[in-house]
Amino acid sequence: MVDRPLCRYTHTWRWFLMRVEIDGISKSYVDSAGAPLHVVGGLTASIEQGEFVCIIGPSGCGKSTLLGMLGGLLPPDAGTIRFSGDRTATGEMTSIVWQDYALIPWRSIIDNVAFGLEVRGVGKQERKAIAQGYLETMGIGAFANAQPKQLSGGMRQRAGIARALASDPEVLLMDEPFAAVDAQTRTLLQEELLTVWENHRKTVIFITHGIEEALLLADRVLVLSGRPTKVVEDLKVPFARPRTADIAQTPEFGELKQHLWERLRDATRAAEWAEVEGANS
């Protein structure tokens, strides 16, 4: 990965940062039997400018639904999501990095990274320069003209991150982006992501199932309950930056990992009991 200012390219990085305020949001669906499924229930949280916040919670608790609302893809049924106090979420304010890379298979890597800029009407020469810059930042500039199928999983996810950054989001949303890669690649991607974030301090909201990953990456970890999900713990991570995977060997890391595991275990058991009781009622 190349460490260089992103504004070296024709893209202008928006240096102001965004506070995210989530106030009592709820979201429900109708299940296959026609019954209401309450996924998010009155969730409230705030994320400071430039913070890196990880979210963990039981499987199926609504983490991806929450991310969809933050990204402006889903409207909340109730409550509000605001950026710096006065603006609601829109697609242009955020970019999402998905678990499955979501690259267009028939486009080259550079054209994938430039896709959002193309949709916004940015000229070909400018968007190519922007995309190439972010590919170099993520260490895959030499593969700009390759097809997605020619790259490893880790390289494809680097391209996915480059694409998200190329759109110059105010908030970067990440939905378990490293879940599909092997452990060694995951560690490398975590450290590379931290380097990019430390250089540019975008606000990041990162969903993960990995407690170790959350403690390595985050300033704060939000623990969610089962459905309808809400925040049951907001943990400030005490480790100094910059960080590497070596902090996982410290006693304090082990203590926090155990604490979060217990909270997550309790939330998962509560969610399972609630599901059983609902089925029997």
Foldseek 3Di string as FASTA:
>chain_A
DDDDDLVVAVDDADQWAKKKWWFQFWAWDQDPVRHIFTQAGGATDIFDTLFAEEEAAAPSNCPVVVLCLQQVNDPTPDTAMDIRPPHGHYNLQEFEQEQQLPFDQVAFLLCSLLVVVVVVPDDPVRSSRSSLSQCVLLPNSVRRGPGPVVDDLLSSSSSSVSSRCSSNHSEYEYEQRCPPDDPVSSQVVLLSVLSVSVSRSRHYYYYHNDLLSRLQRGQWYFYWAHPNIYTPDIGGRDDDDDGHSVVCPDPVVVVVSVVVVVVNVVRNVVNVVVVVVVVVD
